[in-house]
Amino acid sequence: MSMIHLNKGLLFFMLFYGGGIAEETVYRLIFLSLIWKLTNKRWLSIVLSALLFGIYHLIPLNSMYKIYWGFPINQFVCATISGIVFGYIYTKRGYETAVIGHTFSDWLPILIFMR
């Protein structure tokens, strides 16, 4: 993975804009908020937006995702559970907290396990 050889600070900001802001905007700020407004049911909106988030993570965006594609059920379940967590954070603490949480959940494993 050539991305790992980047400066770790630069990598944080790449994940901040790519994963944190982009995905939280689409799946929490837009989908979750829209479903919540239409149904007036917080938990239903969290679960439905998390399912969409899980489905999205089945799309192989780069070589890292192609590795996960060998385990599609695991990929879907993990992304859906993460989506539920981020959705809950979004409804309780707001968009900014969900973005920062998402960014750190992407960045810290790379920081810890990849050399």
N, C-alpha and C. Protein backbone atom coordinates (compact mmCIF):
# COMPACT_ATOMS: atom_id res chain seq x y z
N MET A 1 0.83 -1.16 0.00
CA MET A 1 0.00 0.00 0.00
C MET A 1 0.88 1.24 0.00
N SER A 2 0.88 1.98 -1.05
CA SER A 2 1.75 3.14 -1.16
C SER A 2 1.31 4.26 -0.23
N MET A 3 0.05 4.30 0.16
CA MET A 3 -0.46 5.34 1.03
C MET A 3 0.24 5.32 2.40
N ILE A 4 0.68 4.16 2.84
CA ILE A 4 1.28 4.02 4.16
C ILE A 4 2.62 4.74 4.24
N HIS A 5 3.29 4.91 3.13
CA HIS A 5 4.60 5.54 3.13
C HIS A 5 4.51 7.07 3.22
N LEU A 6 3.31 7.60 3.26
CA LEU A 6 3.14 9.04 3.40
C LEU A 6 3.41 9.48 4.83
N ASN A 7 3.65 10.73 4.99
CA ASN A 7 3.76 11.32 6.30
C ASN A 7 2.48 11.04 7.07
N LYS A 8 2.59 10.63 8.34
CA LYS A 8 1.40 10.24 9.11
C LYS A 8 0.47 11.41 9.38
N GLY A 9 1.01 12.61 9.47
CA GLY A 9 0.16 13.79 9.62
C GLY A 9 -0.62 14.08 8.35
N LEU A 10 0.04 13.95 7.21
CA LEU A 10 -0.63 14.13 5.92
C LEU A 10 -1.71 13.07 5.73
N LEU A 11 -1.40 11.86 6.12
CA LEU A 11 -2.36 10.76 6.02
C LEU A 11 -3.61 11.07 6.85
N PHE A 12 -3.42 11.64 8.04
CA PHE A 12 -4.56 12.02 8.88
C PHE A 12 -5.49 12.96 8.11
N PHE A 13 -4.92 13.98 7.46
CA PHE A 13 -5.76 14.94 6.76
C PHE A 13 -6.39 14.35 5.50
N MET A 14 -5.71 13.42 4.86
CA MET A 14 -6.33 12.73 3.71
C MET A 14 -7.54 11.93 4.19
N LEU A 15 -7.41 11.24 5.30
CA LEU A 15 -8.53 10.48 5.85
C LEU A 15 -9.61 11.40 6.41
N PHE A 16 -9.20 12.54 6.94
CA PHE A 16 -10.14 13.53 7.47
C PHE A 16 -11.08 14.01 6.36
N TYR A 17 -10.50 14.35 5.21
CA TYR A 17 -11.32 14.84 4.10
C TYR A 17 -12.02 13.72 3.36
N GLY A 18 -11.34 12.60 3.14
CA GLY A 18 -11.91 11.51 2.36
C GLY A 18 -12.92 10.67 3.13
N GLY A 19 -12.53 10.18 4.29
CA GLY A 19 -13.42 9.33 5.07
C GLY A 19 -14.29 10.13 6.00
N GLY A 20 -13.67 10.98 6.78
CA GLY A 20 -14.41 11.73 7.79
C GLY A 20 -15.46 12.66 7.21
N ILE A 21 -15.02 13.66 6.50
CA ILE A 21 -15.97 14.66 5.98
C ILE A 21 -16.86 14.10 4.88
N ALA A 22 -16.28 13.47 3.89
CA ALA A 22 -17.08 13.00 2.74
C ALA A 22 -18.14 11.97 3.16
N GLU A 23 -17.73 10.94 3.87
CA GLU A 23 -18.68 9.88 4.22
C GLU A 23 -19.67 10.34 5.29
N GLU A 24 -19.23 11.11 6.26
CA GLU A 24 -20.16 11.58 7.29
C GLU A 24 -21.16 12.58 6.70
N THR A 25 -20.74 13.35 5.73
CA THR A 25 -21.68 14.27 5.07
C THR A 25 -22.78 13.49 4.36
N VAL A 26 -22.39 12.48 3.59
CA VAL A 26 -23.38 11.72 2.82
C VAL A 26 -24.25 10.85 3.72
N TYR A 27 -23.65 10.06 4.59
CA TYR A 27 -24.41 9.04 5.31
C TYR A 27 -25.05 9.52 6.60
N ARG A 28 -24.51 10.54 7.24
CA ARG A 28 -25.14 11.04 8.45
C ARG A 28 -25.86 12.37 8.19
N LEU A 29 -25.15 13.34 7.67
CA LEU A 29 -25.73 14.66 7.49
C LEU A 29 -26.88 14.65 6.48
N ILE A 30 -26.74 13.88 5.41
CA ILE A 30 -27.79 13.85 4.39
C ILE A 30 -28.77 12.70 4.64
N PHE A 31 -28.30 11.43 4.52
CA PHE A 31 -29.22 10.29 4.60
C PHE A 31 -29.89 10.16 5.97
N LEU A 32 -29.10 10.15 7.03
CA LEU A 32 -29.67 9.97 8.35
C LEU A 32 -30.64 11.12 8.67
N SER A 33 -30.23 12.34 8.41
CA SER A 33 -31.09 13.49 8.70
C SER A 33 -32.37 13.46 7.89
N LEU A 34 -32.28 13.08 6.62
CA LEU A 34 -33.47 13.01 5.76
C LEU A 34 -34.43 11.92 6.24
N ILE A 35 -33.90 10.74 6.53
CA ILE A 35 -34.75 9.64 7.00
C ILE A 35 -35.38 10.01 8.34
N TRP A 36 -34.61 10.64 9.21
CA TRP A 36 -35.12 11.06 10.52
C TRP A 36 -36.25 12.08 10.36
N LYS A 37 -36.05 13.01 9.43
CA LYS A 37 -37.08 14.02 9.20
C LYS A 37 -38.35 13.39 8.62
N LEU A 38 -38.19 12.43 7.71
CA LEU A 38 -39.35 11.79 7.08
C LEU A 38 -40.11 10.85 8.03
N THR A 39 -39.37 10.13 8.86
CA THR A 39 -40.01 9.13 9.72
C THR A 39 -40.20 9.59 11.17
N ASN A 40 -39.43 10.58 11.58
CA ASN A 40 -39.43 11.04 12.97
C ASN A 40 -39.03 9.93 13.95
N LYS A 41 -38.23 8.98 13.47
CA LYS A 41 -37.74 7.86 14.28
C LYS A 41 -36.22 7.85 14.22
N ARG A 42 -35.60 8.21 15.34
CA ARG A 42 -34.14 8.33 15.37
C ARG A 42 -33.47 6.99 15.10
N TRP A 43 -33.87 5.94 15.81
CA TRP A 43 -33.18 4.66 15.66
C TRP A 43 -33.37 4.06 14.27
N LEU A 44 -34.53 4.23 13.68
CA LEU A 44 -34.75 3.75 12.32
C LEU A 44 -33.82 4.47 11.36
N SER A 45 -33.69 5.77 11.52
CA SER A 45 -32.81 6.53 10.63
C SER A 45 -31.34 6.14 10.82
N ILE A 46 -30.94 5.86 12.06
CA ILE A 46 -29.57 5.42 12.32
C ILE A 46 -29.32 4.08 11.63
N VAL A 47 -30.23 3.13 11.80
CA VAL A 47 -30.04 1.79 11.23
C VAL A 47 -30.08 1.82 9.70
N LEU A 48 -31.04 2.53 9.11
CA LEU A 48 -31.13 2.57 7.65
C LEU A 48 -29.92 3.26 7.02
N SER A 49 -29.47 4.35 7.61
CA SER A 49 -28.29 5.02 7.06
C SER A 49 -27.05 4.15 7.26
N ALA A 50 -26.98 3.39 8.35
CA ALA A 50 -25.86 2.48 8.58
C ALA A 50 -25.87 1.34 7.56
N LEU A 51 -27.05 0.84 7.21
CA LEU A 51 -27.13 -0.21 6.18
C LEU A 51 -26.64 0.32 4.83
N LEU A 52 -27.01 1.56 4.49
CA LEU A 52 -26.50 2.17 3.26
C LEU A 52 -24.99 2.33 3.31
N PHE A 53 -24.48 2.71 4.47
CA PHE A 53 -23.03 2.84 4.69
C PHE A 53 -22.35 1.48 4.51
N GLY A 54 -22.95 0.42 5.02
CA GLY A 54 -22.41 -0.93 4.86
C GLY A 54 -22.39 -1.37 3.41
N ILE A 55 -23.46 -1.09 2.70
CA ILE A 55 -23.53 -1.44 1.27
C ILE A 55 -22.47 -0.68 0.48
N TYR A 56 -22.31 0.61 0.78
CA TYR A 56 -21.29 1.41 0.11
C TYR A 56 -19.90 0.82 0.29
N HIS A 57 -19.61 0.29 1.45
CA HIS A 57 -18.28 -0.24 1.72
C HIS A 57 -18.04 -1.60 1.06
N LEU A 58 -19.00 -2.11 0.32
CA LEU A 58 -18.77 -3.31 -0.49
C LEU A 58 -18.15 -2.97 -1.84
N ILE A 59 -18.16 -1.69 -2.19
CA ILE A 59 -17.61 -1.25 -3.47
C ILE A 59 -16.09 -1.14 -3.34
N PRO A 60 -15.34 -1.91 -4.15
CA PRO A 60 -13.87 -1.82 -4.04
C PRO A 60 -13.36 -0.51 -4.64
N LEU A 61 -13.00 0.44 -3.77
CA LEU A 61 -12.55 1.75 -4.22
C LEU A 61 -11.06 1.77 -4.57
N ASN A 62 -10.30 0.90 -3.91
CA ASN A 62 -8.86 0.84 -4.17
C ASN A 62 -8.38 -0.56 -3.82
N SER A 63 -7.08 -0.78 -3.87
CA SER A 63 -6.56 -2.12 -3.64
C SER A 63 -6.84 -2.62 -2.22
N MET A 64 -6.93 -1.72 -1.24
CA MET A 64 -7.23 -2.14 0.12
C MET A 64 -8.63 -2.74 0.18
N TYR A 65 -9.59 -2.14 -0.49
CA TYR A 65 -10.94 -2.66 -0.49
C TYR A 65 -11.05 -3.98 -1.24
N LYS A 66 -10.19 -4.17 -2.24
CA LYS A 66 -10.21 -5.45 -2.95
C LYS A 66 -9.80 -6.60 -2.04
N ILE A 67 -8.94 -6.32 -1.07
CA ILE A 67 -8.59 -7.33 -0.07
C ILE A 67 -9.82 -7.68 0.74
N TYR A 68 -10.56 -6.66 1.18
CA TYR A 68 -11.77 -6.89 1.97
C TYR A 68 -12.87 -7.57 1.15
N TRP A 69 -12.85 -7.36 -0.15
CA TRP A 69 -13.87 -7.94 -1.02
C TRP A 69 -13.89 -9.46 -0.91
N GLY A 70 -12.78 -10.06 -0.51
CA GLY A 70 -12.75 -11.51 -0.29
C GLY A 70 -13.60 -11.93 0.90
N PHE A 71 -14.00 -10.99 1.71
CA PHE A 71 -14.81 -11.25 2.90
C PHE A 71 -15.99 -10.27 2.93
N PRO A 72 -16.90 -10.36 1.95
CA PRO A 72 -17.93 -9.33 1.83
C PRO A 72 -18.90 -9.26 3.02
N ILE A 73 -19.24 -10.37 3.61
CA ILE A 73 -20.16 -10.33 4.74
C ILE A 73 -19.50 -9.64 5.93
N ASN A 74 -18.24 -9.97 6.20
CA ASN A 74 -17.49 -9.31 7.26
C ASN A 74 -17.39 -7.81 6.99
N GLN A 75 -17.07 -7.45 5.77
CA GLN A 75 -16.94 -6.04 5.40
C GLN A 75 -18.26 -5.31 5.61
N PHE A 76 -19.35 -5.91 5.17
CA PHE A 76 -20.68 -5.29 5.30
C PHE A 76 -21.07 -5.15 6.78
N VAL A 77 -20.89 -6.20 7.55
CA VAL A 77 -21.27 -6.18 8.97
C VAL A 77 -20.45 -5.15 9.74
N CYS A 78 -19.13 -5.14 9.54
CA CYS A 78 -18.27 -4.19 10.25
C CYS A 78 -18.60 -2.75 9.89
N ALA A 79 -18.81 -2.49 8.61
CA ALA A 79 -19.15 -1.12 8.18
C ALA A 79 -20.53 -0.71 8.70
N THR A 80 -21.47 -1.64 8.72
CA THR A 80 -22.80 -1.34 9.24
C THR A 80 -22.76 -1.04 10.73
N ILE A 81 -22.03 -1.84 11.49
CA ILE A 81 -21.89 -1.58 12.93
C ILE A 81 -21.20 -0.23 13.16
N SER A 82 -20.16 0.05 12.38
CA SER A 82 -19.51 1.36 12.48
C SER A 82 -20.49 2.47 12.15
N GLY A 83 -21.31 2.25 11.14
CA GLY A 83 -22.32 3.24 10.76
C GLY A 83 -23.32 3.49 11.87
N ILE A 84 -23.69 2.44 12.60
CA ILE A 84 -24.59 2.61 13.74
C ILE A 84 -23.92 3.46 14.82
N VAL A 85 -22.66 3.16 15.10
CA VAL A 85 -21.91 3.93 16.10
C VAL A 85 -21.81 5.39 15.68
N PHE A 86 -21.39 5.64 14.44
CA PHE A 86 -21.26 7.02 13.97
C PHE A 86 -22.61 7.73 13.91
N GLY A 87 -23.66 6.99 13.56
CA GLY A 87 -25.00 7.58 13.56
C GLY A 87 -25.45 7.98 14.95
N TYR A 88 -25.18 7.14 15.92
CA TYR A 88 -25.51 7.45 17.30
C TYR A 88 -24.72 8.68 17.77
N ILE A 89 -23.43 8.69 17.46
CA ILE A 89 -22.59 9.85 17.82
C ILE A 89 -23.14 11.11 17.16
N TYR A 90 -23.51 11.00 15.89
CA TYR A 90 -24.05 12.15 15.16
C TYR A 90 -25.32 12.68 15.82
N THR A 91 -26.23 11.79 16.22
CA THR A 91 -27.49 12.25 16.81
C THR A 91 -27.31 12.78 18.23
N LYS A 92 -26.29 12.32 18.93
CA LYS A 92 -26.06 12.76 20.31
C LYS A 92 -25.09 13.94 20.42
N ARG A 93 -24.04 13.93 19.60
CA ARG A 93 -22.97 14.93 19.77
C ARG A 93 -22.77 15.83 18.55
N GLY A 94 -23.38 15.50 17.42
CA GLY A 94 -23.29 16.38 16.26
C GLY A 94 -22.35 15.89 15.16
N TYR A 95 -22.43 16.59 14.07
CA TYR A 95 -21.69 16.27 12.85
C TYR A 95 -20.18 16.30 13.06
N GLU A 96 -19.68 17.34 13.69
CA GLU A 96 -18.24 17.49 13.86
C GLU A 96 -17.63 16.35 14.65
N THR A 97 -18.33 15.92 15.70
CA THR A 97 -17.84 14.81 16.52
C THR A 97 -17.84 13.52 15.72
N ALA A 98 -18.85 13.31 14.90
CA ALA A 98 -18.89 12.11 14.05
C ALA A 98 -17.74 12.12 13.04
N VAL A 99 -17.45 13.28 12.47
CA VAL A 99 -16.34 13.39 11.51
C VAL A 99 -15.01 13.07 12.18
N ILE A 100 -14.77 13.66 13.34
CA ILE A 100 -13.51 13.40 14.05
C ILE A 100 -13.42 11.93 14.47
N GLY A 101 -14.51 11.38 14.98
CA GLY A 101 -14.52 9.96 15.37
C GLY A 101 -14.25 9.04 14.20
N HIS A 102 -14.86 9.33 13.07
CA HIS A 102 -14.66 8.53 11.86
C HIS A 102 -13.21 8.63 11.40
N THR A 103 -12.67 9.83 11.41
CA THR A 103 -11.29 10.03 10.98
C THR A 103 -10.32 9.23 11.86
N PHE A 104 -10.49 9.33 13.16
CA PHE A 104 -9.61 8.60 14.07
C PHE A 104 -9.79 7.09 13.95
N SER A 105 -11.02 6.63 13.68
CA SER A 105 -11.22 5.18 13.52
C SER A 105 -10.56 4.66 12.25
N ASP A 106 -10.36 5.51 11.27
CA ASP A 106 -9.63 5.12 10.06
C ASP A 106 -8.11 5.26 10.25
N TRP A 107 -7.69 6.30 10.94
CA TRP A 107 -6.28 6.64 11.05
C TRP A 107 -5.53 5.82 12.10
N LEU A 108 -6.12 5.63 13.27
CA LEU A 108 -5.40 4.95 14.36
C LEU A 108 -4.98 3.52 14.02
N PRO A 109 -5.82 2.70 13.39
CA PRO A 109 -5.33 1.35 13.04
C PRO A 109 -4.14 1.39 12.08
N ILE A 110 -4.14 2.31 11.15
CA ILE A 110 -3.00 2.46 10.25
C ILE A 110 -1.76 2.87 11.04
N LEU A 111 -1.95 3.81 11.93
CA LEU A 111 -0.85 4.30 12.75
C LEU A 111 -0.28 3.19 13.64
N ILE A 112 -1.15 2.36 14.19
CA ILE A 112 -0.73 1.33 15.14
C ILE A 112 -0.17 0.08 14.44
N PHE A 113 -0.88 -0.41 13.42
CA PHE A 113 -0.54 -1.71 12.86
C PHE A 113 0.28 -1.69 11.60
N MET A 114 0.30 -0.59 10.89
CA MET A 114 1.08 -0.53 9.66
C MET A 114 2.38 0.20 9.92
N ARG A 115 3.42 -0.31 9.36
CA ARG A 115 4.73 0.33 9.53
C ARG A 115 5.24 0.83 8.21
